[in-house]
Amino acid sequence: MHAVLERLFDRPAGERTPAAAAGMLEPEWVRLCDGDAGLAELFAEQAEREQFIADAHSALAGYFRLEDPRRLEPAEREWYVEAELPSGLRLRGYVDRLDVSAAGDIRVVDYKTGKVPLEAYEGERAVPDEVLRAGDLAAARGDPPGAAAHVPVRRR
């Protein structure tokens, strides 16, 4: 899923459609498996692989319900950031996508393709990844982000 969304933004804005993304799913899976034999072994049975691909199609449909990639031109994708906080704690990771508006507002986007956490684990008790990445980003760029957002592509 991440690979499809990353490569989707390689296309011109007008070509970032649900059909284009859906057509990329299986070729991206094959490409990833070719680079890592262990991935193909995750689904020993054909039915498991078919279910995995069907779930990925469902997740892509969820993504397109949340945002229209034809309207976005990310400033960064799969951007590695690293920063040291005043406490000495070193934070590092990848930002899935960084959007910068014409006004200079920054939005850190983290695609969430796994299981959506239960409501009981949301809120005060959880520190989302994108908050940490926003801290990384602020230190790395010297520009505090205006927003940090999960882009969940699955439903509960």
N, C-alpha and C. Protein backbone atom coordinates (compact mmCIF):
# COMPACT_ATOMS: atom_id res chain seq x y z
N MET A 1 0.82 -1.18 0.00
CA MET A 1 0.00 0.00 0.00
C MET A 1 0.87 1.26 0.00
N HIS A 2 1.87 1.28 0.90
CA HIS A 2 2.76 2.44 0.93
C HIS A 2 3.45 2.64 -0.42
N ALA A 3 3.91 1.54 -1.00
CA ALA A 3 4.62 1.63 -2.28
C ALA A 3 3.71 2.19 -3.36
N VAL A 4 2.46 1.79 -3.37
CA VAL A 4 1.51 2.31 -4.37
C VAL A 4 1.30 3.80 -4.17
N LEU A 5 1.08 4.23 -2.92
CA LEU A 5 0.86 5.66 -2.68
C LEU A 5 2.11 6.47 -3.02
N GLU A 6 3.28 5.93 -2.71
CA GLU A 6 4.51 6.64 -3.05
C GLU A 6 4.64 6.79 -4.57
N ARG A 7 4.43 5.72 -5.30
CA ARG A 7 4.58 5.76 -6.75
C ARG A 7 3.44 6.51 -7.44
N LEU A 8 2.29 6.55 -6.79
CA LEU A 8 1.17 7.30 -7.35
C LEU A 8 1.57 8.77 -7.55
N PHE A 9 2.34 9.30 -6.60
CA PHE A 9 2.76 10.70 -6.69
C PHE A 9 3.91 10.91 -7.68
N ASP A 10 4.42 9.83 -8.29
CA ASP A 10 5.37 9.98 -9.40
C ASP A 10 4.63 10.39 -10.67
N ARG A 11 3.34 10.14 -10.70
CA ARG A 11 2.52 10.45 -11.89
C ARG A 11 2.10 11.91 -11.88
N PRO A 12 1.78 12.43 -13.06
CA PRO A 12 1.20 13.79 -13.11
C PRO A 12 -0.11 13.81 -12.31
N ALA A 13 -0.44 14.94 -11.73
CA ALA A 13 -1.60 15.06 -10.85
C ALA A 13 -2.87 14.49 -11.46
N GLY A 14 -3.14 14.77 -12.71
CA GLY A 14 -4.36 14.32 -13.35
C GLY A 14 -4.47 12.81 -13.50
N GLU A 15 -3.35 12.10 -13.36
CA GLU A 15 -3.35 10.64 -13.50
C GLU A 15 -3.41 9.92 -12.16
N ARG A 16 -3.55 10.63 -11.08
CA ARG A 16 -3.58 10.01 -9.74
C ARG A 16 -5.02 9.64 -9.39
N THR A 17 -5.53 8.66 -10.06
CA THR A 17 -6.93 8.26 -9.93
C THR A 17 -7.04 6.92 -9.19
N PRO A 18 -8.25 6.62 -8.69
CA PRO A 18 -8.44 5.30 -8.06
C PRO A 18 -8.10 4.16 -9.02
N ALA A 19 -8.47 4.28 -10.27
CA ALA A 19 -8.19 3.20 -11.23
C ALA A 19 -6.69 3.04 -11.44
N ALA A 20 -5.97 4.15 -11.53
CA ALA A 20 -4.52 4.07 -11.70
C ALA A 20 -3.88 3.40 -10.49
N ALA A 21 -4.29 3.78 -9.30
CA ALA A 21 -3.74 3.19 -8.08
C ALA A 21 -4.06 1.70 -8.00
N ALA A 22 -5.30 1.34 -8.32
CA ALA A 22 -5.70 -0.07 -8.28
C ALA A 22 -4.87 -0.89 -9.27
N GLY A 23 -4.59 -0.31 -10.42
CA GLY A 23 -3.79 -1.01 -11.42
C GLY A 23 -2.33 -1.18 -11.02
N MET A 24 -1.89 -0.43 -10.03
CA MET A 24 -0.51 -0.51 -9.57
C MET A 24 -0.32 -1.55 -8.47
N LEU A 25 -1.40 -1.98 -7.83
CA LEU A 25 -1.28 -2.84 -6.65
C LEU A 25 -0.52 -4.13 -6.91
N GLU A 26 -1.00 -4.93 -7.82
CA GLU A 26 -0.34 -6.23 -8.05
C GLU A 26 1.07 -6.08 -8.60
N PRO A 27 1.31 -5.18 -9.58
CA PRO A 27 2.70 -5.01 -10.04
C PRO A 27 3.65 -4.55 -8.93
N GLU A 28 3.17 -3.69 -8.02
CA GLU A 28 4.01 -3.25 -6.90
C GLU A 28 4.29 -4.41 -5.95
N TRP A 29 3.29 -5.25 -5.71
CA TRP A 29 3.50 -6.42 -4.86
C TRP A 29 4.55 -7.34 -5.47
N VAL A 30 4.46 -7.58 -6.76
CA VAL A 30 5.42 -8.44 -7.45
C VAL A 30 6.82 -7.82 -7.36
N ARG A 31 6.92 -6.51 -7.58
CA ARG A 31 8.21 -5.82 -7.50
C ARG A 31 8.82 -5.96 -6.11
N LEU A 32 8.00 -5.76 -5.08
CA LEU A 32 8.49 -5.88 -3.71
C LEU A 32 8.93 -7.31 -3.40
N CYS A 33 8.17 -8.29 -3.86
CA CYS A 33 8.52 -9.71 -3.64
C CYS A 33 9.80 -10.07 -4.37
N ASP A 34 10.00 -9.52 -5.56
CA ASP A 34 11.23 -9.78 -6.30
C ASP A 34 12.45 -9.27 -5.53
N GLY A 35 12.27 -8.20 -4.78
CA GLY A 35 13.37 -7.63 -4.00
C GLY A 35 13.55 -8.26 -2.63
N ASP A 36 12.55 -9.04 -2.18
CA ASP A 36 12.60 -9.64 -0.85
C ASP A 36 11.83 -10.95 -0.88
N ALA A 37 12.54 -12.05 -1.04
CA ALA A 37 11.90 -13.36 -1.17
C ALA A 37 11.03 -13.70 0.04
N GLY A 38 11.34 -13.17 1.19
CA GLY A 38 10.56 -13.43 2.38
C GLY A 38 9.13 -12.91 2.29
N LEU A 39 8.92 -11.86 1.53
CA LEU A 39 7.56 -11.32 1.38
C LEU A 39 6.63 -12.32 0.71
N ALA A 40 7.09 -12.94 -0.35
CA ALA A 40 6.27 -13.90 -1.08
C ALA A 40 5.88 -15.07 -0.18
N GLU A 41 6.75 -15.41 0.77
CA GLU A 41 6.50 -16.53 1.66
C GLU A 41 5.45 -16.21 2.72
N LEU A 42 5.10 -14.93 2.87
CA LEU A 42 4.08 -14.57 3.85
C LEU A 42 2.73 -15.21 3.53
N PHE A 43 2.48 -15.40 2.25
CA PHE A 43 1.21 -15.95 1.81
C PHE A 43 1.48 -17.21 0.99
N ALA A 44 1.59 -18.32 1.69
CA ALA A 44 1.92 -19.58 1.02
C ALA A 44 0.79 -20.06 0.12
N GLU A 45 -0.42 -19.81 0.52
CA GLU A 45 -1.59 -20.26 -0.23
C GLU A 45 -2.09 -19.15 -1.15
N GLN A 46 -2.55 -19.54 -2.33
CA GLN A 46 -3.08 -18.60 -3.30
C GLN A 46 -4.25 -17.80 -2.71
N ALA A 47 -5.11 -18.47 -1.94
CA ALA A 47 -6.27 -17.79 -1.35
C ALA A 47 -5.83 -16.69 -0.38
N GLU A 48 -4.75 -16.92 0.37
CA GLU A 48 -4.23 -15.90 1.29
C GLU A 48 -3.72 -14.69 0.51
N ARG A 49 -3.01 -14.95 -0.57
CA ARG A 49 -2.49 -13.85 -1.40
C ARG A 49 -3.63 -13.05 -2.01
N GLU A 50 -4.64 -13.76 -2.50
CA GLU A 50 -5.80 -13.08 -3.09
C GLU A 50 -6.52 -12.22 -2.05
N GLN A 51 -6.63 -12.72 -0.81
CA GLN A 51 -7.27 -11.94 0.25
C GLN A 51 -6.44 -10.71 0.58
N PHE A 52 -5.12 -10.87 0.61
CA PHE A 52 -4.22 -9.75 0.87
C PHE A 52 -4.41 -8.66 -0.19
N ILE A 53 -4.44 -9.04 -1.45
CA ILE A 53 -4.63 -8.08 -2.54
C ILE A 53 -6.01 -7.44 -2.44
N ALA A 54 -7.04 -8.21 -2.12
CA ALA A 54 -8.39 -7.66 -1.96
C ALA A 54 -8.43 -6.65 -0.82
N ASP A 55 -7.76 -6.96 0.29
CA ASP A 55 -7.70 -6.03 1.42
C ASP A 55 -6.96 -4.75 1.03
N ALA A 56 -5.92 -4.89 0.22
CA ALA A 56 -5.17 -3.71 -0.24
C ALA A 56 -6.05 -2.84 -1.14
N HIS A 57 -6.86 -3.46 -1.99
CA HIS A 57 -7.79 -2.68 -2.82
C HIS A 57 -8.78 -1.92 -1.94
N SER A 58 -9.26 -2.57 -0.89
CA SER A 58 -10.19 -1.92 0.04
C SER A 58 -9.51 -0.74 0.74
N ALA A 59 -8.27 -0.93 1.15
CA ALA A 59 -7.53 0.15 1.81
C ALA A 59 -7.31 1.31 0.86
N LEU A 60 -7.02 1.04 -0.41
CA LEU A 60 -6.86 2.12 -1.39
C LEU A 60 -8.16 2.90 -1.56
N ALA A 61 -9.27 2.19 -1.60
CA ALA A 61 -10.57 2.87 -1.71
C ALA A 61 -10.77 3.79 -0.50
N GLY A 62 -10.36 3.34 0.68
CA GLY A 62 -10.45 4.17 1.88
C GLY A 62 -9.60 5.41 1.77
N TYR A 63 -8.41 5.27 1.22
CA TYR A 63 -7.54 6.43 1.03
C TYR A 63 -8.22 7.47 0.13
N PHE A 64 -8.79 7.03 -0.97
CA PHE A 64 -9.41 7.97 -1.90
C PHE A 64 -10.67 8.61 -1.33
N ARG A 65 -11.28 8.00 -0.32
CA ARG A 65 -12.42 8.64 0.35
C ARG A 65 -11.94 9.79 1.22
N LEU A 66 -10.68 9.74 1.67
CA LEU A 66 -10.14 10.75 2.57
C LEU A 66 -9.53 11.95 1.86
N GLU A 67 -8.88 11.71 0.75
CA GLU A 67 -8.25 12.83 0.06
C GLU A 67 -8.12 12.52 -1.43
N ASP A 68 -7.99 13.58 -2.19
CA ASP A 68 -7.85 13.49 -3.64
C ASP A 68 -6.41 13.84 -4.01
N PRO A 69 -5.59 12.84 -4.34
CA PRO A 69 -4.19 13.11 -4.62
C PRO A 69 -3.97 13.96 -5.88
N ARG A 70 -5.00 14.15 -6.67
CA ARG A 70 -4.86 15.02 -7.85
C ARG A 70 -4.73 16.47 -7.43
N ARG A 71 -5.09 16.78 -6.18
CA ARG A 71 -5.04 18.16 -5.69
C ARG A 71 -3.80 18.44 -4.84
N LEU A 72 -2.90 17.47 -4.75
CA LEU A 72 -1.73 17.60 -3.88
C LEU A 72 -0.43 17.54 -4.67
N GLU A 73 0.53 18.32 -4.24
CA GLU A 73 1.90 18.26 -4.77
C GLU A 73 2.83 18.24 -3.56
N PRO A 74 3.14 17.05 -3.06
CA PRO A 74 3.97 16.96 -1.85
C PRO A 74 5.33 17.61 -2.03
N ALA A 75 5.79 18.26 -0.95
CA ALA A 75 7.13 18.84 -0.94
C ALA A 75 8.17 17.73 -0.74
N GLU A 76 7.79 16.70 0.00
CA GLU A 76 8.69 15.58 0.28
C GLU A 76 7.86 14.31 0.35
N ARG A 77 8.50 13.18 0.02
CA ARG A 77 7.90 11.85 0.18
C ARG A 77 8.96 10.90 0.68
N GLU A 78 8.57 10.04 1.62
CA GLU A 78 9.52 9.09 2.21
C GLU A 78 10.81 9.81 2.60
N TRP A 79 10.61 10.89 3.35
CA TRP A 79 11.71 11.76 3.72
C TRP A 79 12.28 11.35 5.07
N TYR A 80 13.58 11.04 5.11
CA TYR A 80 14.23 10.67 6.35
C TYR A 80 14.55 11.92 7.15
N VAL A 81 14.13 11.94 8.42
CA VAL A 81 14.43 13.07 9.29
C VAL A 81 15.06 12.54 10.57
N GLU A 82 15.93 13.34 11.12
CA GLU A 82 16.61 12.99 12.36
C GLU A 82 16.87 14.27 13.12
N ALA A 83 16.63 14.23 14.42
CA ALA A 83 16.85 15.42 15.24
C ALA A 83 17.18 14.99 16.66
N GLU A 84 17.90 15.84 17.34
CA GLU A 84 18.17 15.61 18.75
C GLU A 84 17.43 16.68 19.55
N LEU A 85 16.63 16.23 20.50
CA LEU A 85 15.88 17.15 21.35
C LEU A 85 16.81 17.75 22.39
N PRO A 86 16.43 18.88 22.99
CA PRO A 86 17.27 19.48 24.04
C PRO A 86 17.60 18.50 25.17
N SER A 87 16.74 17.52 25.40
CA SER A 87 16.99 16.52 26.45
C SER A 87 18.09 15.53 26.06
N GLY A 88 18.50 15.54 24.79
CA GLY A 88 19.49 14.59 24.30
C GLY A 88 18.87 13.40 23.60
N LEU A 89 17.56 13.27 23.69
CA LEU A 89 16.87 12.18 23.01
C LEU A 89 16.95 12.38 21.50
N ARG A 90 17.42 11.35 20.80
CA ARG A 90 17.53 11.42 19.35
C ARG A 90 16.30 10.78 18.74
N LEU A 91 15.62 11.54 17.90
CA LEU A 91 14.45 11.06 17.17
C LEU A 91 14.83 10.93 15.70
N ARG A 92 14.37 9.83 15.09
CA ARG A 92 14.61 9.66 13.66
C ARG A 92 13.51 8.78 13.09
N GLY A 93 13.27 8.99 11.81
CA GLY A 93 12.25 8.19 11.14
C GLY A 93 11.97 8.75 9.76
N TYR A 94 10.98 8.17 9.13
CA TYR A 94 10.58 8.59 7.79
C TYR A 94 9.23 9.27 7.83
N VAL A 95 9.12 10.36 7.12
CA VAL A 95 7.85 11.04 6.93
C VAL A 95 7.29 10.51 5.62
N ASP A 96 6.08 9.95 5.66
CA ASP A 96 5.49 9.42 4.43
C ASP A 96 5.30 10.52 3.40
N ARG A 97 4.78 11.64 3.86
CA ARG A 97 4.56 12.74 2.92
C ARG A 97 4.58 14.04 3.69
N LEU A 98 5.15 15.06 3.07
CA LEU A 98 5.18 16.39 3.64
C LEU A 98 4.52 17.33 2.65
N ASP A 99 3.43 17.95 3.08
CA ASP A 99 2.72 18.91 2.23
C ASP A 99 3.03 20.32 2.73
N VAL A 100 3.30 21.22 1.81
CA VAL A 100 3.51 22.62 2.15
C VAL A 100 2.56 23.44 1.29
N SER A 101 1.70 24.22 1.95
CA SER A 101 0.73 25.03 1.21
C SER A 101 1.40 26.24 0.60
N ALA A 102 0.67 26.93 -0.27
CA ALA A 102 1.18 28.15 -0.89
C ALA A 102 1.51 29.20 0.17
N ALA A 103 0.82 29.16 1.29
CA ALA A 103 1.07 30.11 2.38
C ALA A 103 2.23 29.68 3.26
N GLY A 104 2.80 28.50 2.98
CA GLY A 104 3.93 28.02 3.75
C GLY A 104 3.56 27.12 4.92
N ASP A 105 2.27 26.81 5.09
CA ASP A 105 1.85 25.91 6.15
C ASP A 105 2.33 24.50 5.84
N ILE A 106 2.82 23.82 6.86
CA ILE A 106 3.38 22.49 6.69
C ILE A 106 2.44 21.46 7.32
N ARG A 107 2.23 20.36 6.62
CA ARG A 107 1.43 19.24 7.14
C ARG A 107 2.24 17.97 6.97
N VAL A 108 2.45 17.27 8.08
CA VAL A 108 3.16 15.99 8.08
C VAL A 108 2.10 14.90 7.97
N VAL A 109 2.26 14.01 6.99
CA VAL A 109 1.28 12.96 6.74
C VAL A 109 1.91 11.59 6.97
N ASP A 110 1.22 10.77 7.76
CA ASP A 110 1.67 9.41 8.03
C ASP A 110 0.55 8.48 7.59
N TYR A 111 0.80 7.68 6.57
CA TYR A 111 -0.21 6.71 6.12
C TYR A 111 -0.31 5.60 7.15
N LYS A 112 -1.51 5.25 7.51
CA LYS A 112 -1.75 4.16 8.44
C LYS A 112 -2.52 3.08 7.72
N THR A 113 -1.82 2.00 7.37
CA THR A 113 -2.46 0.92 6.60
C THR A 113 -2.72 -0.31 7.45
N GLY A 114 -2.25 -0.30 8.68
CA GLY A 114 -2.48 -1.45 9.55
C GLY A 114 -3.81 -1.33 10.27
N LYS A 115 -3.96 -2.13 11.28
CA LYS A 115 -5.18 -2.15 12.07
C LYS A 115 -5.37 -0.81 12.76
N VAL A 116 -6.58 -0.28 12.71
CA VAL A 116 -6.90 0.98 13.36
C VAL A 116 -7.05 0.71 14.86
N PRO A 117 -6.40 1.51 15.72
CA PRO A 117 -6.49 1.25 17.16
C PRO A 117 -7.92 1.42 17.67
N LEU A 118 -8.24 0.67 18.71
CA LEU A 118 -9.54 0.81 19.34
C LEU A 118 -9.66 2.18 19.97
N GLU A 119 -10.89 2.67 20.07
CA GLU A 119 -11.11 4.00 20.64
C GLU A 119 -10.54 4.12 22.04
N ALA A 120 -10.55 3.03 22.80
CA ALA A 120 -10.03 3.06 24.17
C ALA A 120 -8.55 3.41 24.22
N TYR A 121 -7.83 3.19 23.11
CA TYR A 121 -6.40 3.47 23.10
C TYR A 121 -6.05 4.77 22.39
N GLU A 122 -7.04 5.52 22.02
CA GLU A 122 -6.80 6.80 21.37
C GLU A 122 -6.81 7.90 22.42
N GLY A 123 -6.46 9.09 22.01
CA GLY A 123 -6.54 10.25 22.89
C GLY A 123 -5.30 10.39 23.74
N GLU A 124 -5.50 10.68 25.03
CA GLU A 124 -4.41 11.00 25.93
C GLU A 124 -3.41 9.87 26.10
N ARG A 125 -3.86 8.62 25.95
CA ARG A 125 -2.99 7.49 26.26
C ARG A 125 -2.08 7.11 25.11
N ALA A 126 -2.26 7.70 23.96
CA ALA A 126 -1.45 7.34 22.80
C ALA A 126 -0.69 8.55 22.29
N VAL A 127 0.54 8.32 21.87
CA VAL A 127 1.32 9.37 21.21
C VAL A 127 1.51 8.92 19.77
N PRO A 128 0.72 9.50 18.85
CA PRO A 128 0.82 9.06 17.45
C PRO A 128 2.20 9.29 16.87
N ASP A 129 2.57 8.41 15.94
CA ASP A 129 3.86 8.51 15.27
C ASP A 129 4.07 9.88 14.65
N GLU A 130 2.99 10.44 14.07
CA GLU A 130 3.19 11.69 13.34
C GLU A 130 3.54 12.84 14.27
N VAL A 131 3.17 12.75 15.55
CA VAL A 131 3.56 13.79 16.50
C VAL A 131 5.07 13.74 16.69
N LEU A 132 5.62 12.53 16.83
CA LEU A 132 7.07 12.40 16.94
C LEU A 132 7.76 12.87 15.67
N ARG A 133 7.22 12.50 14.53
CA ARG A 133 7.82 12.92 13.27
C ARG A 133 7.71 14.43 13.08
N ALA A 134 6.63 15.01 13.57
CA ALA A 134 6.50 16.46 13.49
C ALA A 134 7.60 17.13 14.30
N GLY A 135 7.92 16.54 15.47
CA GLY A 135 9.03 17.06 16.26
C GLY A 135 10.35 16.93 15.53
N ASP A 136 10.56 15.78 14.89
CA ASP A 136 11.75 15.59 14.06
C ASP A 136 11.83 16.67 12.99
N LEU A 137 10.71 16.85 12.34
CA LEU A 137 10.64 17.77 11.22
C LEU A 137 10.94 19.19 11.66
N ALA A 138 10.32 19.60 12.75
CA ALA A 138 10.53 20.96 13.24
C ALA A 138 12.01 21.21 13.50
N ALA A 139 12.67 20.24 14.11
CA ALA A 139 14.09 20.40 14.39
C ALA A 139 14.92 20.36 13.12
N ALA A 140 14.57 19.47 12.19
CA ALA A 140 15.35 19.30 10.97
C ALA A 140 15.21 20.48 10.02
N ARG A 141 14.02 21.02 9.91
CA ARG A 141 13.78 22.12 8.97
C ARG A 141 13.85 23.48 9.63
N GLY A 142 13.68 23.51 10.93
CA GLY A 142 13.61 24.79 11.61
C GLY A 142 12.25 25.44 11.44
N ASP A 143 11.29 24.70 10.89
CA ASP A 143 9.93 25.19 10.66
C ASP A 143 8.95 24.28 11.38
N PRO A 144 8.25 24.78 12.38
CA PRO A 144 7.28 23.90 13.03
C PRO A 144 6.11 23.60 12.10
N PRO A 145 5.71 22.32 12.03
CA PRO A 145 4.57 21.98 11.17
C PRO A 145 3.27 22.55 11.73
N GLY A 146 2.37 22.91 10.85
CA GLY A 146 1.06 23.41 11.25
C GLY A 146 0.11 22.29 11.56
N ALA A 147 0.36 21.11 11.04
CA ALA A 147 -0.52 19.97 11.27
C ALA A 147 0.24 18.68 11.10
N ALA A 148 -0.16 17.70 11.87
CA ALA A 148 0.35 16.35 11.72
C ALA A 148 -0.86 15.45 11.65
N ALA A 149 -0.92 14.61 10.64
CA ALA A 149 -2.15 13.85 10.44
C ALA A 149 -1.88 12.40 10.07
N HIS A 150 -2.62 11.51 10.74
CA HIS A 150 -2.70 10.14 10.26
C HIS A 150 -3.61 10.16 9.05
N VAL A 151 -3.34 9.37 8.08
CA VAL A 151 -4.27 9.15 6.99
C VAL A 151 -4.65 7.67 7.06
N PRO A 152 -5.64 7.36 7.94
CA PRO A 152 -6.02 5.95 8.08
C PRO A 152 -6.78 5.48 6.86
N VAL A 153 -6.39 4.36 6.33
CA VAL A 153 -7.05 3.87 5.11
C VAL A 153 -7.89 2.64 5.38
N ARG A 154 -8.04 2.30 6.64
CA ARG A 154 -8.90 1.17 7.02
C ARG A 154 -9.92 1.65 8.04
N ARG A 155 -11.04 0.95 8.10
CA ARG A 155 -12.05 1.25 9.10
C ARG A 155 -11.87 0.31 10.28
N ARG A 156 -12.48 0.66 11.41
CA ARG A 156 -12.48 -0.24 12.59
C ARG A 156 -13.25 -1.47 12.27
